[in-house]
Amino acid sequence: MSEHPPDGRVFAMPTHRTTRAPARPTGRAVTLGLTLAVLAGAGWLAGMIYTLITWQL
């Protein structure tokens, strides 16, 4: 008799998915990106306020 499973596969497949720990290196990059976006938005807003205050009419 053959050592292979009866359905023709070469090796037995697991019946469940393996559990992996969630990878979180992207969380740091996302936090950095959002922080930079907030700083850029605050700088833009400050520039607009400065422009409106110093606008010569």
N, C-alpha and C. Protein backbone atom coordinates (compact mmCIF):
# COMPACT_ATOMS: atom_id res chain seq x y z
N MET A 1 0.83 -1.18 0.00
CA MET A 1 0.00 0.00 0.00
C MET A 1 0.87 1.24 0.00
N SER A 2 0.39 2.33 -0.60
CA SER A 2 1.13 3.58 -0.71
C SER A 2 1.07 4.37 0.60
N GLU A 3 2.10 5.20 0.81
CA GLU A 3 2.14 6.07 1.98
C GLU A 3 1.33 7.34 1.78
N HIS A 4 0.91 7.65 0.55
CA HIS A 4 0.20 8.89 0.24
C HIS A 4 -1.25 8.81 0.71
N PRO A 5 -1.85 9.97 1.03
CA PRO A 5 -3.27 9.99 1.38
C PRO A 5 -4.11 9.46 0.21
N PRO A 6 -5.28 8.95 0.49
CA PRO A 6 -6.09 8.34 -0.56
C PRO A 6 -6.60 9.32 -1.62
N ASP A 7 -6.59 10.62 -1.36
CA ASP A 7 -7.10 11.55 -2.37
C ASP A 7 -6.04 12.03 -3.35
N GLY A 8 -4.83 11.50 -3.31
CA GLY A 8 -3.81 11.79 -4.30
C GLY A 8 -2.81 12.85 -3.90
N ARG A 9 -2.98 13.47 -2.77
CA ARG A 9 -2.02 14.48 -2.34
C ARG A 9 -0.72 13.80 -1.91
N VAL A 10 0.36 14.55 -2.01
CA VAL A 10 1.65 14.00 -1.65
C VAL A 10 1.83 14.00 -0.13
N PHE A 11 1.25 14.98 0.55
CA PHE A 11 1.35 15.04 2.01
C PHE A 11 0.00 15.48 2.56
N ALA A 12 -0.22 15.16 3.80
CA ALA A 12 -1.50 15.51 4.43
C ALA A 12 -1.54 17.01 4.70
N MET A 13 -2.66 17.64 4.37
CA MET A 13 -2.83 19.07 4.59
C MET A 13 -3.47 19.29 5.96
N PRO A 14 -3.10 20.36 6.65
CA PRO A 14 -3.75 20.65 7.93
C PRO A 14 -5.21 21.05 7.68
N THR A 15 -6.04 20.79 8.65
CA THR A 15 -7.46 21.11 8.48
C THR A 15 -7.82 22.47 9.04
N HIS A 16 -6.86 23.20 9.57
CA HIS A 16 -7.13 24.52 10.11
C HIS A 16 -6.03 25.48 9.70
N ARG A 17 -6.35 26.76 9.71
CA ARG A 17 -5.34 27.76 9.39
C ARG A 17 -4.42 27.96 10.59
N THR A 18 -3.18 28.22 10.29
CA THR A 18 -2.26 28.50 11.38
C THR A 18 -2.50 29.92 11.89
N THR A 19 -2.38 30.11 13.17
CA THR A 19 -2.58 31.44 13.74
C THR A 19 -1.24 32.16 13.76
N ARG A 20 -1.26 33.39 13.32
CA ARG A 20 -0.05 34.21 13.31
C ARG A 20 -0.30 35.43 14.18
N ALA A 21 0.75 35.89 14.81
CA ALA A 21 0.65 37.12 15.58
C ALA A 21 0.49 38.28 14.59
N PRO A 22 -0.42 39.20 14.85
CA PRO A 22 -0.59 40.31 13.90
C PRO A 22 0.66 41.18 13.83
N ALA A 23 1.10 41.41 12.62
CA ALA A 23 2.29 42.24 12.42
C ALA A 23 1.91 43.70 12.59
N ARG A 24 2.66 44.44 13.39
CA ARG A 24 2.33 45.83 13.69
C ARG A 24 3.41 46.84 13.31
N PRO A 25 4.34 46.53 12.40
CA PRO A 25 5.33 47.57 12.08
C PRO A 25 4.72 48.73 11.30
N THR A 26 3.59 48.51 10.65
CA THR A 26 2.97 49.59 9.90
C THR A 26 2.28 50.59 10.81
N GLY A 27 1.94 50.20 12.02
CA GLY A 27 1.29 51.12 12.95
C GLY A 27 2.16 52.32 13.26
N ARG A 28 3.45 52.10 13.39
CA ARG A 28 4.38 53.20 13.68
C ARG A 28 4.46 54.15 12.49
N ALA A 29 4.49 53.60 11.28
CA ALA A 29 4.55 54.44 10.08
C ALA A 29 3.27 55.24 9.90
N VAL A 30 2.13 54.63 10.19
CA VAL A 30 0.86 55.34 10.08
C VAL A 30 0.80 56.48 11.09
N THR A 31 1.22 56.22 12.31
CA THR A 31 1.23 57.25 13.35
C THR A 31 2.14 58.41 12.94
N LEU A 32 3.31 58.09 12.42
CA LEU A 32 4.23 59.14 11.97
C LEU A 32 3.63 59.94 10.82
N GLY A 33 3.01 59.25 9.88
CA GLY A 33 2.38 59.94 8.74
C GLY A 33 1.25 60.86 9.18
N LEU A 34 0.42 60.38 10.10
CA LEU A 34 -0.68 61.23 10.59
C LEU A 34 -0.16 62.42 11.38
N THR A 35 0.91 62.21 12.15
CA THR A 35 1.50 63.31 12.90
C THR A 35 2.05 64.38 11.96
N LEU A 36 2.75 63.94 10.92
CA LEU A 36 3.27 64.90 9.94
C LEU A 36 2.14 65.62 9.21
N ALA A 37 1.05 64.91 8.92
CA ALA A 37 -0.08 65.54 8.24
C ALA A 37 -0.73 66.60 9.14
N VAL A 38 -0.86 66.31 10.42
CA VAL A 38 -1.43 67.28 11.35
C VAL A 38 -0.53 68.51 11.45
N LEU A 39 0.77 68.30 11.54
CA LEU A 39 1.70 69.43 11.59
C LEU A 39 1.64 70.26 10.31
N ALA A 40 1.56 69.61 9.17
CA ALA A 40 1.46 70.35 7.91
C ALA A 40 0.16 71.12 7.84
N GLY A 41 -0.93 70.52 8.30
CA GLY A 41 -2.22 71.21 8.31
C GLY A 41 -2.21 72.40 9.24
N ALA A 42 -1.60 72.25 10.42
CA ALA A 42 -1.51 73.36 11.36
C ALA A 42 -0.65 74.49 10.78
N GLY A 43 0.43 74.14 10.11
CA GLY A 43 1.26 75.15 9.46
C GLY A 43 0.52 75.87 8.35
N TRP A 44 -0.24 75.14 7.57
CA TRP A 44 -1.02 75.75 6.50
C TRP A 44 -2.07 76.70 7.08
N LEU A 45 -2.75 76.25 8.13
CA LEU A 45 -3.78 77.08 8.76
C LEU A 45 -3.16 78.35 9.35
N ALA A 46 -2.01 78.21 10.00
CA ALA A 46 -1.34 79.39 10.55
C ALA A 46 -0.93 80.35 9.43
N GLY A 47 -0.47 79.80 8.32
CA GLY A 47 -0.11 80.65 7.18
C GLY A 47 -1.31 81.38 6.61
N MET A 48 -2.45 80.73 6.54
CA MET A 48 -3.67 81.37 6.04
C MET A 48 -4.14 82.47 6.98
N ILE A 49 -4.08 82.21 8.27
CA ILE A 49 -4.48 83.23 9.25
C ILE A 49 -3.54 84.42 9.17
N TYR A 50 -2.25 84.17 9.07
CA TYR A 50 -1.27 85.25 8.94
C TYR A 50 -1.54 86.06 7.67
N THR A 51 -1.84 85.38 6.57
CA THR A 51 -2.12 86.07 5.32
C THR A 51 -3.36 86.95 5.45
N LEU A 52 -4.41 86.45 6.07
CA LEU A 52 -5.64 87.24 6.23
C LEU A 52 -5.42 88.44 7.15
N ILE A 53 -4.62 88.27 8.20
CA ILE A 53 -4.38 89.36 9.13
C ILE A 53 -3.55 90.47 8.47
N THR A 54 -2.56 90.09 7.67
CA THR A 54 -1.66 91.08 7.08
C THR A 54 -2.09 91.52 5.68
N TRP A 55 -3.25 91.13 5.25
CA TRP A 55 -3.72 91.46 3.90
C TRP A 55 -3.92 92.96 3.77
N GLN A 56 -3.35 93.52 2.73
CA GLN A 56 -3.50 94.96 2.49
C GLN A 56 -4.73 95.21 1.63
N LEU A 57 -5.67 95.92 2.18
CA LEU A 57 -6.90 96.25 1.41
C LEU A 57 -6.84 97.63 0.84
